[in-house]
Amino acid sequence: MTNLTLYELEGCPYCAKVKTKLADLELEYDSVMVPRSHSERTEVEAVSGQTGVPVLVDEERGIEGMPESDEIVEYLEETYGNAS
């Protein structure tokens, strides 16, 4: 069971950036595909307060809906990256 959930949209370059970082760090996560129409993205809006994707949820660390791919990638690196 994973504590990470990624809300994403197929073909979204920002989502792909986050998925690449998740793969680089070998992190398991649940993927939730959101509808293409912003008006139908009620689940991601309930989690993050907005309808854009990607949005990351990290239940174990109390992250309830982090938007913005750059911030997510930075968070993943700082939280799960190798401390050299």
N, C-alpha and C. Protein backbone atom coordinates (compact mmCIF):
# COMPACT_ATOMS: atom_id res chain seq x y z
N MET A 1 0.85 -1.20 0.00
CA MET A 1 0.00 0.00 0.00
C MET A 1 0.88 1.24 0.00
N THR A 2 0.48 2.20 -0.78
CA THR A 2 1.26 3.43 -0.89
C THR A 2 0.53 4.57 -0.20
N ASN A 3 1.30 5.54 0.25
CA ASN A 3 0.73 6.73 0.86
C ASN A 3 0.69 7.89 -0.11
N LEU A 4 1.25 7.72 -1.31
CA LEU A 4 1.29 8.79 -2.30
C LEU A 4 0.17 8.60 -3.33
N THR A 5 -0.51 9.70 -3.63
CA THR A 5 -1.53 9.69 -4.67
C THR A 5 -1.26 10.88 -5.58
N LEU A 6 -1.25 10.62 -6.88
CA LEU A 6 -1.03 11.67 -7.87
C LEU A 6 -2.29 11.83 -8.71
N TYR A 7 -2.84 13.02 -8.69
CA TYR A 7 -3.95 13.36 -9.56
C TYR A 7 -3.34 13.90 -10.84
N GLU A 8 -3.72 13.29 -11.97
CA GLU A 8 -3.07 13.64 -13.23
C GLU A 8 -4.04 13.58 -14.39
N LEU A 9 -3.56 14.06 -15.53
CA LEU A 9 -4.32 14.07 -16.77
C LEU A 9 -3.43 13.47 -17.85
N GLU A 10 -3.96 12.53 -18.60
CA GLU A 10 -3.18 11.90 -19.66
C GLU A 10 -2.69 12.95 -20.66
N GLY A 11 -1.41 12.87 -20.99
CA GLY A 11 -0.83 13.80 -21.95
C GLY A 11 -0.37 15.12 -21.35
N CYS A 12 -0.50 15.28 -20.06
CA CYS A 12 -0.10 16.52 -19.38
C CYS A 12 1.41 16.52 -19.16
N PRO A 13 2.14 17.49 -19.74
CA PRO A 13 3.60 17.50 -19.58
C PRO A 13 4.04 17.76 -18.14
N TYR A 14 3.26 18.51 -17.38
CA TYR A 14 3.60 18.78 -15.99
C TYR A 14 3.44 17.52 -15.14
N CYS A 15 2.40 16.74 -15.47
CA CYS A 15 2.20 15.46 -14.78
C CYS A 15 3.33 14.50 -15.12
N ALA A 16 3.75 14.49 -16.37
CA ALA A 16 4.83 13.61 -16.81
C ALA A 16 6.13 13.93 -16.06
N LYS A 17 6.36 15.20 -15.82
CA LYS A 17 7.55 15.62 -15.07
C LYS A 17 7.54 15.03 -13.66
N VAL A 18 6.39 15.06 -13.01
CA VAL A 18 6.26 14.50 -11.66
C VAL A 18 6.39 12.98 -11.70
N LYS A 19 5.77 12.34 -12.70
CA LYS A 19 5.85 10.89 -12.82
C LYS A 19 7.29 10.44 -13.07
N THR A 20 8.05 11.22 -13.81
CA THR A 20 9.46 10.90 -14.04
C THR A 20 10.23 10.93 -12.73
N LYS A 21 9.98 11.93 -11.90
CA LYS A 21 10.67 12.03 -10.60
C LYS A 21 10.25 10.87 -9.70
N LEU A 22 8.98 10.52 -9.70
CA LEU A 22 8.52 9.37 -8.91
C LEU A 22 9.24 8.10 -9.36
N ALA A 23 9.39 7.92 -10.66
CA ALA A 23 10.08 6.74 -11.19
C ALA A 23 11.56 6.77 -10.84
N ASP A 24 12.19 7.95 -10.96
CA ASP A 24 13.62 8.09 -10.63
C ASP A 24 13.88 7.69 -9.17
N LEU A 25 12.95 8.05 -8.30
CA LEU A 25 13.10 7.75 -6.88
C LEU A 25 12.53 6.38 -6.51
N GLU A 26 12.02 5.66 -7.52
CA GLU A 26 11.43 4.33 -7.34
C GLU A 26 10.33 4.33 -6.28
N LEU A 27 9.48 5.34 -6.35
CA LEU A 27 8.37 5.47 -5.40
C LEU A 27 7.09 4.89 -6.00
N GLU A 28 6.38 4.13 -5.21
CA GLU A 28 5.08 3.63 -5.62
C GLU A 28 4.04 4.70 -5.29
N TYR A 29 3.04 4.80 -6.15
CA TYR A 29 1.98 5.78 -5.93
C TYR A 29 0.71 5.32 -6.62
N ASP A 30 -0.40 5.84 -6.14
CA ASP A 30 -1.68 5.61 -6.80
C ASP A 30 -1.92 6.76 -7.76
N SER A 31 -2.41 6.42 -8.94
CA SER A 31 -2.70 7.43 -9.94
C SER A 31 -4.21 7.60 -10.05
N VAL A 32 -4.64 8.86 -10.03
CA VAL A 32 -6.06 9.18 -10.24
C VAL A 32 -6.14 10.07 -11.46
N MET A 33 -6.71 9.52 -12.53
CA MET A 33 -6.88 10.30 -13.76
C MET A 33 -8.09 11.22 -13.60
N VAL A 34 -7.90 12.48 -13.91
CA VAL A 34 -8.99 13.45 -13.79
C VAL A 34 -9.60 13.71 -15.17
N PRO A 35 -10.84 14.15 -15.20
CA PRO A 35 -11.47 14.47 -16.49
C PRO A 35 -10.76 15.64 -17.17
N ARG A 36 -10.83 15.68 -18.49
CA ARG A 36 -10.20 16.76 -19.25
C ARG A 36 -10.86 18.11 -18.92
N SER A 37 -12.16 18.11 -18.71
CA SER A 37 -12.89 19.35 -18.42
C SER A 37 -12.68 19.78 -16.96
N HIS A 38 -12.21 21.00 -16.80
CA HIS A 38 -11.98 21.53 -15.44
C HIS A 38 -13.25 21.50 -14.60
N SER A 39 -14.40 21.73 -15.23
CA SER A 39 -15.65 21.79 -14.47
C SER A 39 -16.05 20.42 -13.90
N GLU A 40 -15.44 19.35 -14.41
CA GLU A 40 -15.77 18.01 -13.93
C GLU A 40 -14.73 17.47 -12.93
N ARG A 41 -13.76 18.27 -12.59
CA ARG A 41 -12.68 17.83 -11.70
C ARG A 41 -13.02 18.08 -10.23
N THR A 42 -14.15 17.59 -9.80
CA THR A 42 -14.60 17.86 -8.44
C THR A 42 -13.73 17.17 -7.39
N GLU A 43 -13.22 15.97 -7.71
CA GLU A 43 -12.41 15.24 -6.73
C GLU A 43 -11.10 15.97 -6.45
N VAL A 44 -10.40 16.39 -7.50
CA VAL A 44 -9.13 17.08 -7.29
C VAL A 44 -9.35 18.46 -6.66
N GLU A 45 -10.47 19.09 -6.98
CA GLU A 45 -10.79 20.39 -6.36
C GLU A 45 -11.05 20.22 -4.87
N ALA A 46 -11.71 19.14 -4.50
CA ALA A 46 -11.99 18.88 -3.08
C ALA A 46 -10.68 18.65 -2.31
N VAL A 47 -9.71 18.04 -2.95
CA VAL A 47 -8.43 17.73 -2.31
C VAL A 47 -7.54 18.96 -2.22
N SER A 48 -7.48 19.75 -3.30
CA SER A 48 -6.48 20.81 -3.38
C SER A 48 -7.03 22.23 -3.42
N GLY A 49 -8.33 22.38 -3.60
CA GLY A 49 -8.91 23.72 -3.68
C GLY A 49 -8.80 24.34 -5.06
N GLN A 50 -8.28 23.59 -6.04
CA GLN A 50 -8.19 24.09 -7.41
C GLN A 50 -8.34 22.91 -8.36
N THR A 51 -8.48 23.20 -9.66
CA THR A 51 -8.76 22.14 -10.62
C THR A 51 -7.58 21.77 -11.50
N GLY A 52 -6.46 22.43 -11.31
CA GLY A 52 -5.28 22.11 -12.12
C GLY A 52 -4.61 20.84 -11.64
N VAL A 53 -3.86 20.23 -12.54
CA VAL A 53 -3.06 19.05 -12.20
C VAL A 53 -1.63 19.29 -12.67
N PRO A 54 -0.68 18.65 -12.11
CA PRO A 54 -0.76 17.56 -11.14
C PRO A 54 -1.01 18.07 -9.72
N VAL A 55 -1.53 17.16 -8.90
CA VAL A 55 -1.70 17.40 -7.47
C VAL A 55 -1.21 16.14 -6.75
N LEU A 56 -0.39 16.34 -5.73
CA LEU A 56 0.15 15.21 -4.97
C LEU A 56 -0.44 15.20 -3.57
N VAL A 57 -0.80 14.00 -3.12
CA VAL A 57 -1.22 13.77 -1.74
C VAL A 57 -0.24 12.79 -1.13
N ASP A 58 0.31 13.15 0.04
CA ASP A 58 1.22 12.27 0.77
C ASP A 58 0.65 12.13 2.18
N GLU A 59 -0.21 11.12 2.35
CA GLU A 59 -0.93 10.96 3.61
C GLU A 59 0.01 10.80 4.80
N GLU A 60 1.08 10.06 4.61
CA GLU A 60 2.00 9.78 5.72
C GLU A 60 2.63 11.06 6.28
N ARG A 61 2.82 12.05 5.43
CA ARG A 61 3.49 13.28 5.85
C ARG A 61 2.54 14.49 5.92
N GLY A 62 1.24 14.22 5.84
CA GLY A 62 0.26 15.30 6.02
C GLY A 62 0.12 16.25 4.85
N ILE A 63 0.57 15.85 3.66
CA ILE A 63 0.40 16.68 2.47
C ILE A 63 -0.94 16.32 1.86
N GLU A 64 -1.88 17.25 1.91
CA GLU A 64 -3.26 16.94 1.52
C GLU A 64 -3.60 17.33 0.10
N GLY A 65 -2.77 18.06 -0.58
CA GLY A 65 -3.09 18.45 -1.96
C GLY A 65 -2.10 19.48 -2.47
N MET A 66 -0.88 19.03 -2.76
CA MET A 66 0.17 19.94 -3.22
C MET A 66 0.08 20.11 -4.74
N PRO A 67 -0.18 21.34 -5.22
CA PRO A 67 -0.20 21.59 -6.65
C PRO A 67 1.17 22.04 -7.15
N GLU A 68 1.28 22.27 -8.44
CA GLU A 68 2.49 22.81 -9.09
C GLU A 68 3.60 21.76 -9.20
N SER A 69 3.89 21.38 -10.43
CA SER A 69 4.86 20.31 -10.70
C SER A 69 6.24 20.60 -10.12
N ASP A 70 6.73 21.83 -10.25
CA ASP A 70 8.06 22.15 -9.73
C ASP A 70 8.13 21.97 -8.23
N GLU A 71 7.09 22.39 -7.52
CA GLU A 71 7.05 22.23 -6.07
C GLU A 71 6.96 20.76 -5.68
N ILE A 72 6.19 20.00 -6.44
CA ILE A 72 6.06 18.56 -6.15
C ILE A 72 7.40 17.86 -6.35
N VAL A 73 8.07 18.14 -7.46
CA VAL A 73 9.36 17.52 -7.75
C VAL A 73 10.37 17.88 -6.65
N GLU A 74 10.40 19.13 -6.25
CA GLU A 74 11.31 19.57 -5.19
C GLU A 74 10.98 18.85 -3.87
N TYR A 75 9.70 18.77 -3.55
CA TYR A 75 9.27 18.08 -2.34
C TYR A 75 9.69 16.61 -2.36
N LEU A 76 9.46 15.94 -3.47
CA LEU A 76 9.81 14.52 -3.59
C LEU A 76 11.31 14.33 -3.42
N GLU A 77 12.09 15.19 -4.05
CA GLU A 77 13.55 15.08 -3.95
C GLU A 77 14.01 15.30 -2.51
N GLU A 78 13.48 16.34 -1.88
CA GLU A 78 13.89 16.65 -0.50
C GLU A 78 13.43 15.58 0.49
N THR A 79 12.25 15.01 0.25
CA THR A 79 11.65 14.07 1.19
C THR A 79 12.12 12.64 0.97
N TYR A 80 12.23 12.25 -0.28
CA TYR A 80 12.52 10.85 -0.60
C TYR A 80 13.85 10.64 -1.34
N GLY A 81 14.51 11.71 -1.72
CA GLY A 81 15.77 11.58 -2.45
C GLY A 81 16.88 11.05 -1.57
N ASN A 82 17.93 10.60 -2.20
CA ASN A 82 19.09 10.08 -1.46
C ASN A 82 19.83 11.23 -0.81
N ALA A 83 20.07 11.09 0.47
CA ALA A 83 20.87 12.09 1.19
C ALA A 83 22.33 11.68 1.04
N SER A 84 23.02 12.35 0.10
CA SER A 84 24.41 11.97 -0.14
C SER A 84 25.34 12.67 0.81
